[in-house]
PDB file of all heavy atoms in Angstrom:
ATOM      1  N   VAL A   1     -10.534  17.169  -4.318  1.00  0.00           N
ATOM      2  CA  VAL A   1     -10.244  15.750  -4.554  1.00  0.00           C
ATOM      3  C   VAL A   1      -9.521  15.170  -3.348  1.00  0.00           C
ATOM      4  O   VAL A   1      -9.849  14.084  -2.860  1.00  0.00           O
ATOM      5  CB  VAL A   1      -9.419  15.555  -5.849  1.00  0.00           C
ATOM      6  CG1 VAL A   1      -8.941  14.123  -5.977  1.00  0.00           C
ATOM      7  CG2 VAL A   1     -10.236  15.974  -7.063  1.00  0.00           C
ATOM      8  N   GLY A   2      -8.535  15.894  -2.827  1.00  0.00           N
ATOM      9  CA  GLY A   2      -7.813  15.438  -1.637  1.00  0.00           C
ATOM     10  C   GLY A   2      -8.729  15.265  -0.439  1.00  0.00           C
ATOM     11  O   GLY A   2      -8.635  14.275   0.292  1.00  0.00           O
ATOM     12  N   GLN A   3      -9.637  16.208  -0.245  1.00  0.00           N
ATOM     13  CA  GLN A   3     -10.599  16.104   0.864  1.00  0.00           C
ATOM     14  C   GLN A   3     -11.495  14.882   0.692  1.00  0.00           C
ATOM     15  O   GLN A   3     -11.746  14.146   1.644  1.00  0.00           O
ATOM     16  CB  GLN A   3     -11.456  17.374   0.935  1.00  0.00           C
ATOM     17  CG  GLN A   3     -10.731  18.575   1.451  1.00  0.00           C
ATOM     18  CD  GLN A   3     -10.474  18.482   2.944  1.00  0.00           C
ATOM     19  OE1 GLN A   3     -11.294  17.976   3.688  1.00  0.00           O
ATOM     20  NE2 GLN A   3      -9.326  18.962   3.362  1.00  0.00           N
ATOM     21  N   ALA A   4     -11.999  14.680  -0.520  1.00  0.00           N
ATOM     22  CA  ALA A   4     -12.875  13.531  -0.773  1.00  0.00           C
ATOM     23  C   ALA A   4     -12.135  12.221  -0.535  1.00  0.00           C
ATOM     24  O   ALA A   4     -12.681  11.296   0.086  1.00  0.00           O
ATOM     25  CB  ALA A   4     -13.420  13.586  -2.196  1.00  0.00           C
ATOM     26  N   LEU A   5     -10.894  12.132  -0.985  1.00  0.00           N
ATOM     27  CA  LEU A   5     -10.128  10.908  -0.775  1.00  0.00           C
ATOM     28  C   LEU A   5      -9.837  10.675   0.704  1.00  0.00           C
ATOM     29  O   LEU A   5      -9.877   9.536   1.173  1.00  0.00           O
ATOM     30  CB  LEU A   5      -8.822  10.943  -1.570  1.00  0.00           C
ATOM     31  CG  LEU A   5      -8.961  10.736  -3.071  1.00  0.00           C
ATOM     32  CD1 LEU A   5      -7.621  10.956  -3.757  1.00  0.00           C
ATOM     33  CD2 LEU A   5      -9.498   9.358  -3.385  1.00  0.00           C
ATOM     34  N   SER A   6      -9.555  11.739   1.435  1.00  0.00           N
ATOM     35  CA  SER A   6      -9.248  11.557   2.857  1.00  0.00           C
ATOM     36  C   SER A   6     -10.476  11.112   3.641  1.00  0.00           C
ATOM     37  O   SER A   6     -10.361  10.384   4.611  1.00  0.00           O
ATOM     38  CB  SER A   6      -8.651  12.828   3.461  1.00  0.00           C
ATOM     39  OG  SER A   6      -9.619  13.840   3.594  1.00  0.00           O
ATOM     40  N   ARG A   7     -11.647  11.535   3.200  1.00  0.00           N
ATOM     41  CA  ARG A   7     -12.877  11.174   3.911  1.00  0.00           C
ATOM     42  C   ARG A   7     -13.502   9.878   3.428  1.00  0.00           C
ATOM     43  O   ARG A   7     -14.050   9.116   4.218  1.00  0.00           O
ATOM     44  CB  ARG A   7     -13.904  12.293   3.769  1.00  0.00           C
ATOM     45  CG  ARG A   7     -13.515  13.548   4.492  1.00  0.00           C
ATOM     46  CD  ARG A   7     -14.562  14.619   4.357  1.00  0.00           C
ATOM     47  NE  ARG A   7     -14.097  15.826   5.016  1.00  0.00           N
ATOM     48  CZ  ARG A   7     -14.563  17.018   4.768  1.00  0.00           C
ATOM     49  NH1 ARG A   7     -15.529  17.192   3.890  1.00  0.00           N
ATOM     50  NH2 ARG A   7     -14.089  18.067   5.398  1.00  0.00           N
ATOM     51  N   PHE A   8     -13.452   9.640   2.108  1.00  0.00           N
ATOM     52  CA  PHE A   8     -14.216   8.538   1.521  1.00  0.00           C
ATOM     53  C   PHE A   8     -13.384   7.620   0.634  1.00  0.00           C
ATOM     54  O   PHE A   8     -13.940   6.770  -0.059  1.00  0.00           O
ATOM     55  CB  PHE A   8     -15.378   9.092   0.679  1.00  0.00           C
ATOM     56  CG  PHE A   8     -16.193  10.125   1.397  1.00  0.00           C
ATOM     57  CD1 PHE A   8     -16.124  11.461   1.020  1.00  0.00           C
ATOM     58  CD2 PHE A   8     -17.024   9.777   2.449  1.00  0.00           C
ATOM     59  CE1 PHE A   8     -16.878  12.416   1.676  1.00  0.00           C
ATOM     60  CE2 PHE A   8     -17.766  10.729   3.115  1.00  0.00           C
ATOM     61  CZ  PHE A   8     -17.700  12.052   2.726  1.00  0.00           C
ATOM     62  N   GLY A   9     -12.078   7.759   0.636  1.00  0.00           N
ATOM     63  CA  GLY A   9     -11.234   7.076  -0.330  1.00  0.00           C
ATOM     64  C   GLY A   9     -10.857   5.643  -0.054  1.00  0.00           C
ATOM     65  O   GLY A   9     -10.198   5.015  -0.880  1.00  0.00           O
ATOM     66  N   SER A  10     -11.273   5.074   1.058  1.00  0.00           N
ATOM     67  CA  SER A  10     -10.828   3.720   1.382  1.00  0.00           C
ATOM     68  C   SER A  10     -11.328   2.677   0.393  1.00  0.00           C
ATOM     69  O   SER A  10     -10.721   1.623   0.254  1.00  0.00           O
ATOM     70  CB  SER A  10     -11.245   3.340   2.799  1.00  0.00           C
ATOM     71  OG  SER A  10     -12.659   3.312   2.911  1.00  0.00           O
ATOM     72  N   GLY A  11     -12.404   2.955  -0.325  1.00  0.00           N
ATOM     73  CA  GLY A  11     -12.962   1.986  -1.270  1.00  0.00           C
ATOM     74  C   GLY A  11     -12.486   2.158  -2.698  1.00  0.00           C
ATOM     75  O   GLY A  11     -12.937   1.442  -3.584  1.00  0.00           O
ATOM     76  N   VAL A  12     -11.581   3.074  -2.929  1.00  0.00           N
ATOM     77  CA  VAL A  12     -11.066   3.324  -4.276  1.00  0.00           C
ATOM     78  C   VAL A  12      -9.539   3.241  -4.253  1.00  0.00           C
ATOM     79  O   VAL A  12      -8.924   3.300  -3.187  1.00  0.00           O
ATOM     80  CB  VAL A  12     -11.515   4.706  -4.809  1.00  0.00           C
ATOM     81  CG1 VAL A  12     -13.031   4.783  -4.918  1.00  0.00           C
ATOM     82  CG2 VAL A  12     -10.986   5.827  -3.950  1.00  0.00           C
ATOM     83  N   PRO A  13      -8.898   3.115  -5.406  1.00  0.00           N
ATOM     84  CA  PRO A  13      -7.428   3.036  -5.429  1.00  0.00           C
ATOM     85  C   PRO A  13      -6.774   4.404  -5.193  1.00  0.00           C
ATOM     86  O   PRO A  13      -6.162   5.002  -6.070  1.00  0.00           O
ATOM     87  CB  PRO A  13      -7.127   2.479  -6.823  1.00  0.00           C
ATOM     88  CG  PRO A  13      -8.290   2.872  -7.651  1.00  0.00           C
ATOM     89  CD  PRO A  13      -9.477   2.884  -6.728  1.00  0.00           C
ATOM     90  N   TRP A  14      -6.875   4.900  -3.986  1.00  0.00           N
ATOM     91  CA  TRP A  14      -6.382   6.216  -3.584  1.00  0.00           C
ATOM     92  C   TRP A  14      -4.894   6.380  -3.840  1.00  0.00           C
ATOM     93  O   TRP A  14      -4.418   7.481  -4.097  1.00  0.00           O
ATOM     94  CB  TRP A  14      -6.684   6.472  -2.108  1.00  0.00           C
ATOM     95  CG  TRP A  14      -6.079   5.452  -1.207  1.00  0.00           C
ATOM     96  CD1 TRP A  14      -6.687   4.332  -0.728  1.00  0.00           C
ATOM     97  CD2 TRP A  14      -4.741   5.425  -0.703  1.00  0.00           C
ATOM     98  NE1 TRP A  14      -5.809   3.598   0.036  1.00  0.00           N
ATOM     99  CE2 TRP A  14      -4.607   4.254   0.069  1.00  0.00           C
ATOM    100  CE3 TRP A  14      -3.642   6.277  -0.836  1.00  0.00           C
ATOM    101  CZ2 TRP A  14      -3.425   3.907   0.698  1.00  0.00           C
ATOM    102  CZ3 TRP A  14      -2.453   5.935  -0.190  1.00  0.00           C
ATOM    103  CH2 TRP A  14      -2.359   4.758   0.565  1.00  0.00           C
ATOM    104  N   TRP A  15      -4.133   5.289  -3.762  1.00  0.00           N
ATOM    105  CA  TRP A  15      -2.684   5.364  -3.888  1.00  0.00           C
ATOM    106  C   TRP A  15      -2.259   5.748  -5.306  1.00  0.00           C
ATOM    107  O   TRP A  15      -1.121   6.121  -5.533  1.00  0.00           O
ATOM    108  CB  TRP A  15      -2.034   4.035  -3.492  1.00  0.00           C
ATOM    109  CG  TRP A  15      -2.468   2.874  -4.326  1.00  0.00           C
ATOM    110  CD1 TRP A  15      -1.850   2.409  -5.463  1.00  0.00           C
ATOM    111  CD2 TRP A  15      -3.602   2.051  -4.117  1.00  0.00           C
ATOM    112  NE1 TRP A  15      -2.546   1.354  -5.968  1.00  0.00           N
ATOM    113  CE2 TRP A  15      -3.639   1.102  -5.145  1.00  0.00           C
ATOM    114  CE3 TRP A  15      -4.606   2.012  -3.152  1.00  0.00           C
ATOM    115  CZ2 TRP A  15      -4.622   0.128  -5.256  1.00  0.00           C
ATOM    116  CZ3 TRP A  15      -5.586   1.041  -3.249  1.00  0.00           C
ATOM    117  CH2 TRP A  15      -5.588   0.109  -4.285  1.00  0.00           C
ATOM    118  N   ARG A  16      -3.181   5.704  -6.255  1.00  0.00           N
ATOM    119  CA  ARG A  16      -2.866   6.074  -7.634  1.00  0.00           C
ATOM    120  C   ARG A  16      -3.036   7.570  -7.893  1.00  0.00           C
ATOM    121  O   ARG A  16      -2.778   8.028  -9.002  1.00  0.00           O
ATOM    122  CB  ARG A  16      -3.736   5.282  -8.590  1.00  0.00           C
ATOM    123  CG  ARG A  16      -3.428   3.798  -8.556  1.00  0.00           C
ATOM    124  CD  ARG A  16      -4.319   3.044  -9.483  1.00  0.00           C
ATOM    125  NE  ARG A  16      -4.024   1.628  -9.427  1.00  0.00           N
ATOM    126  CZ  ARG A  16      -4.856   0.698  -9.856  1.00  0.00           C
ATOM    127  NH1 ARG A  16      -6.017   1.037 -10.373  1.00  0.00           N
ATOM    128  NH2 ARG A  16      -4.524  -0.570  -9.763  1.00  0.00           N
ATOM    129  N   VAL A  17      -3.465   8.315  -6.893  1.00  0.00           N
ATOM    130  CA  VAL A  17      -3.627   9.763  -7.029  1.00  0.00           C
ATOM    131  C   VAL A  17      -2.427  10.433  -6.360  1.00  0.00           C
ATOM    132  O   VAL A  17      -2.136  10.172  -5.194  1.00  0.00           O
ATOM    133  CB  VAL A  17      -4.952  10.246  -6.403  1.00  0.00           C
ATOM    134  CG1 VAL A  17      -5.109  11.745  -6.595  1.00  0.00           C
ATOM    135  CG2 VAL A  17      -6.131   9.500  -7.012  1.00  0.00           C
ATOM    136  N   LEU A  18      -1.741  11.276  -7.118  1.00  0.00           N
ATOM    137  CA  LEU A  18      -0.477  11.862  -6.691  1.00  0.00           C
ATOM    138  C   LEU A  18      -0.502  13.374  -6.791  1.00  0.00           C
ATOM    139  O   LEU A  18      -1.387  13.955  -7.420  1.00  0.00           O
ATOM    140  CB  LEU A  18       0.650  11.339  -7.599  1.00  0.00           C
ATOM    141  CG  LEU A  18       0.792   9.829  -7.629  1.00  0.00           C
ATOM    142  CD1 LEU A  18       1.396   9.391  -8.935  1.00  0.00           C
ATOM    143  CD2 LEU A  18       1.624   9.371  -6.456  1.00  0.00           C
ATOM    144  N   ARG A  19       0.487  13.988  -6.203  1.00  0.00           N
ATOM    145  CA  ARG A  19       0.679  15.431  -6.381  1.00  0.00           C
ATOM    146  C   ARG A  19       1.091  15.685  -7.828  1.00  0.00           C
ATOM    147  O   ARG A  19       1.568  14.794  -8.527  1.00  0.00           O
ATOM    148  CB  ARG A  19       1.764  15.924  -5.440  1.00  0.00           C
ATOM    149  CG  ARG A  19       1.355  15.865  -3.998  1.00  0.00           C
ATOM    150  CD  ARG A  19       2.523  16.203  -3.139  1.00  0.00           C
ATOM    151  NE  ARG A  19       2.049  16.734  -1.862  1.00  0.00           N
ATOM    152  CZ  ARG A  19       2.820  17.329  -0.997  1.00  0.00           C
ATOM    153  NH1 ARG A  19       4.107  17.490  -1.246  1.00  0.00           N
ATOM    154  NH2 ARG A  19       2.320  17.767   0.134  1.00  0.00           N
ATOM    155  N   ALA A  20       0.923  16.911  -8.287  1.00  0.00           N
ATOM    156  CA  ALA A  20       1.220  17.274  -9.682  1.00  0.00           C
ATOM    157  C   ALA A  20       2.667  16.992 -10.073  1.00  0.00           C
ATOM    158  O   ALA A  20       2.964  16.774 -11.242  1.00  0.00           O
ATOM    159  CB  ALA A  20       0.875  18.733  -9.920  1.00  0.00           C
ATOM    160  N   ASP A  21       3.576  16.965  -9.102  1.00  0.00           N
ATOM    161  CA  ASP A  21       4.985  16.691  -9.412  1.00  0.00           C
ATOM    162  C   ASP A  21       5.327  15.202  -9.332  1.00  0.00           C
ATOM    163  O   ASP A  21       6.478  14.816  -9.457  1.00  0.00           O
ATOM    164  CB  ASP A  21       5.905  17.497  -8.495  1.00  0.00           C
ATOM    165  CG  ASP A  21       5.771  17.123  -7.024  1.00  0.00           C
ATOM    166  OD1 ASP A  21       4.948  16.248  -6.680  1.00  0.00           O
ATOM    167  OD2 ASP A  21       6.493  17.732  -6.209  1.00  0.00           O
ATOM    168  N   GLY A  22       4.313  14.346  -9.108  1.00  0.00           N
ATOM    169  CA  GLY A  22       4.524  12.906  -9.064  1.00  0.00           C
ATOM    170  C   GLY A  22       4.892  12.362  -7.698  1.00  0.00           C
ATOM    171  O   GLY A  22       5.168  11.175  -7.563  1.00  0.00           O
ATOM    172  N   THR A  23       4.894  13.212  -6.676  1.00  0.00           N
ATOM    173  CA  THR A  23       5.229  12.746  -5.334  1.00  0.00           C
ATOM    174  C   THR A  23       3.981  12.243  -4.615  1.00  0.00           C
ATOM    175  O   THR A  23       2.853  12.569  -4.981  1.00  0.00           O
ATOM    176  CB  THR A  23       5.900  13.851  -4.495  1.00  0.00           C
ATOM    177  OG1 THR A  23       5.031  14.980  -4.421  1.00  0.00           O
ATOM    178  CG2 THR A  23       7.244  14.253  -5.086  1.00  0.00           C
ATOM    179  N   CYS A  24       4.204  11.457  -3.589  1.00  0.00           N
ATOM    180  CA  CYS A  24       3.131  10.847  -2.818  1.00  0.00           C
ATOM    181  C   CYS A  24       2.585  11.803  -1.760  1.00  0.00           C
ATOM    182  O   CYS A  24       3.253  12.755  -1.362  1.00  0.00           O
ATOM    183  CB  CYS A  24       3.658   9.589  -2.121  1.00  0.00           C
ATOM    184  SG  CYS A  24       4.142   8.289  -3.272  1.00  0.00           S
ATOM    185  N   ALA A  25       1.385  11.488  -1.303  1.00  0.00           N
ATOM    186  CA  ALA A  25       0.772  12.240  -0.205  1.00  0.00           C
ATOM    187  C   ALA A  25       1.628  12.043   1.047  1.00  0.00           C
ATOM    188  O   ALA A  25       1.948  10.913   1.394  1.00  0.00           O
ATOM    189  CB  ALA A  25      -0.644  11.745   0.040  1.00  0.00           C
ATOM    190  N   PRO A  26       2.022  13.110   1.722  1.00  0.00           N
ATOM    191  CA  PRO A  26       2.949  12.984   2.853  1.00  0.00           C
ATOM    192  C   PRO A  26       2.492  12.041   3.964  1.00  0.00           C
ATOM    193  O   PRO A  26       3.292  11.258   4.473  1.00  0.00           O
ATOM    194  CB  PRO A  26       3.078  14.408   3.385  1.00  0.00           C
ATOM    195  CG  PRO A  26       2.699  15.284   2.260  1.00  0.00           C
ATOM    196  CD  PRO A  26       1.695  14.508   1.454  1.00  0.00           C
ATOM    197  N   LEU A  27       1.231  12.071   4.331  1.00  0.00           N
ATOM    198  CA  LEU A  27       0.771  11.265   5.459  1.00  0.00           C
ATOM    199  C   LEU A  27       0.760   9.768   5.179  1.00  0.00           C
ATOM    200  O   LEU A  27       0.854   8.962   6.090  1.00  0.00           O
ATOM    201  CB  LEU A  27      -0.627  11.707   5.907  1.00  0.00           C
ATOM    202  CG  LEU A  27      -0.718  13.124   6.465  1.00  0.00           C
ATOM    203  CD1 LEU A  27      -2.161  13.492   6.778  1.00  0.00           C
ATOM    204  CD2 LEU A  27       0.149  13.265   7.712  1.00  0.00           C
ATOM    205  N   LEU A  28       0.653   9.388   3.928  1.00  0.00           N
ATOM    206  CA  LEU A  28       0.566   7.970   3.571  1.00  0.00           C
ATOM    207  C   LEU A  28       1.658   7.566   2.582  1.00  0.00           C
ATOM    208  O   LEU A  28       1.529   6.557   1.895  1.00  0.00           O
ATOM    209  CB  LEU A  28      -0.809   7.668   2.971  1.00  0.00           C
ATOM    210  CG  LEU A  28      -1.989   7.904   3.910  1.00  0.00           C
ATOM    211  CD1 LEU A  28      -3.298   7.864   3.145  1.00  0.00           C
ATOM    212  CD2 LEU A  28      -1.987   6.872   5.014  1.00  0.00           C
ATOM    213  N   ALA A  29       2.722   8.348   2.510  1.00  0.00           N
ATOM    214  CA  ALA A  29       3.751   8.146   1.488  1.00  0.00           C
ATOM    215  C   ALA A  29       4.350   6.743   1.507  1.00  0.00           C
ATOM    216  O   ALA A  29       4.529   6.140   0.447  1.00  0.00           O
ATOM    217  CB  ALA A  29       4.849   9.195   1.627  1.00  0.00           C
ATOM    218  N   ASN A  30       4.651   6.213   2.674  1.00  0.00           N
ATOM    219  CA  ASN A  30       5.277   4.885   2.725  1.00  0.00           C
ATOM    220  C   ASN A  30       4.367   3.818   2.144  1.00  0.00           C
ATOM    221  O   ASN A  30       4.785   3.015   1.306  1.00  0.00           O
ATOM    222  CB  ASN A  30       5.686   4.527   4.152  1.00  0.00           C
ATOM    223  CG  ASN A  30       6.824   5.374   4.650  1.00  0.00           C
ATOM    224  OD1 ASN A  30       7.624   5.884   3.872  1.00  0.00           O
ATOM    225  ND2 ASN A  30       6.899   5.547   5.952  1.00  0.00           N
ATOM    226  N   GLU A  31       3.101   3.790   2.573  1.00  0.00           N
ATOM    227  CA  GLU A  31       2.164   2.800   2.055  1.00  0.00           C
ATOM    228  C   GLU A  31       1.904   3.035   0.568  1.00  0.00           C
ATOM    229  O   GLU A  31       1.809   2.081  -0.213  1.00  0.00           O
ATOM    230  CB  GLU A  31       0.848   2.835   2.827  1.00  0.00           C
ATOM    231  CG  GLU A  31      -0.119   1.762   2.367  1.00  0.00           C
ATOM    232  CD  GLU A  31      -1.418   1.725   3.147  1.00  0.00           C
ATOM    233  OE1 GLU A  31      -1.564   2.463   4.141  1.00  0.00           O
ATOM    234  OE2 GLU A  31      -2.294   0.938   2.739  1.00  0.00           O
ATOM    235  N   GLN A  32       1.805   4.283   0.170  1.00  0.00           N
ATOM    236  CA  GLN A  32       1.548   4.606  -1.232  1.00  0.00           C
ATOM    237  C   GLN A  32       2.708   4.119  -2.106  1.00  0.00           C
ATOM    238  O   GLN A  32       2.486   3.509  -3.151  1.00  0.00           O
ATOM    239  CB  GLN A  32       1.338   6.111  -1.387  1.00  0.00           C
ATOM    240  CG  GLN A  32       0.774   6.524  -2.718  1.00  0.00           C
ATOM    241  CD  GLN A  32       0.347   7.987  -2.742  1.00  0.00           C
ATOM    242  OE1 GLN A  32       0.782   8.796  -1.928  1.00  0.00           O
ATOM    243  NE2 GLN A  32      -0.512   8.322  -3.684  1.00  0.00           N
ATOM    244  N   ARG A  33       3.939   4.340  -1.685  1.00  0.00           N
ATOM    245  CA  ARG A  33       5.106   3.891  -2.442  1.00  0.00           C
ATOM    246  C   ARG A  33       5.126   2.373  -2.583  1.00  0.00           C
ATOM    247  O   ARG A  33       5.432   1.849  -3.654  1.00  0.00           O
ATOM    248  CB  ARG A  33       6.391   4.370  -1.782  1.00  0.00           C
ATOM    249  CG  ARG A  33       6.688   5.815  -2.016  1.00  0.00           C
ATOM    250  CD  ARG A  33       8.073   6.190  -1.488  1.00  0.00           C
ATOM    251  NE  ARG A  33       8.124   7.606  -1.256  1.00  0.00           N
ATOM    252  CZ  ARG A  33       8.106   8.179  -0.055  1.00  0.00           C
ATOM    253  NH1 ARG A  33       8.078   7.466   1.044  1.00  0.00           N
ATOM    254  NH2 ARG A  33       8.148   9.491   0.050  1.00  0.00           N
ATOM    255  N   VAL A  34       4.800   1.658  -1.504  1.00  0.00           N
ATOM    256  CA  VAL A  34       4.770   0.192  -1.539  1.00  0.00           C
ATOM    257  C   VAL A  34       3.738  -0.292  -2.553  1.00  0.00           C
ATOM    258  O   VAL A  34       4.010  -1.168  -3.378  1.00  0.00           O
ATOM    259  CB  VAL A  34       4.486  -0.384  -0.138  1.00  0.00           C
ATOM    260  CG1 VAL A  34       4.153  -1.865  -0.202  1.00  0.00           C
ATOM    261  CG2 VAL A  34       5.676  -0.137   0.788  1.00  0.00           C
ATOM    262  N   ARG A  35       2.537   0.286  -2.507  1.00  0.00           N
ATOM    263  CA  ARG A  35       1.480  -0.124  -3.441  1.00  0.00           C
ATOM    264  C   ARG A  35       1.848   0.182  -4.888  1.00  0.00           C
ATOM    265  O   ARG A  35       1.613  -0.629  -5.782  1.00  0.00           O
ATOM    266  CB  ARG A  35       0.162   0.549  -3.081  1.00  0.00           C
ATOM    267  CG  ARG A  35      -0.452  -0.016  -1.808  1.00  0.00           C
ATOM    268  CD  ARG A  35      -1.723   0.741  -1.454  1.00  0.00           C
ATOM    269  NE  ARG A  35      -2.322   0.262  -0.243  1.00  0.00           N
ATOM    270  CZ  ARG A  35      -3.529  -0.305  -0.178  1.00  0.00           C
ATOM    271  NH1 ARG A  35      -4.257  -0.453  -1.269  1.00  0.00           N
ATOM    272  NH2 ARG A  35      -4.010  -0.716   0.969  1.00  0.00           N
TER     273      ARG A  35
END
């Protein structure tokens, strides 16, 4: 799922997908938190 989102996720609400502990993806954490 992470690979698919990194390659093709720009057209879907990627920021709503989180790690199992509820934390954001490290590379996009700031933008994800804002959204």
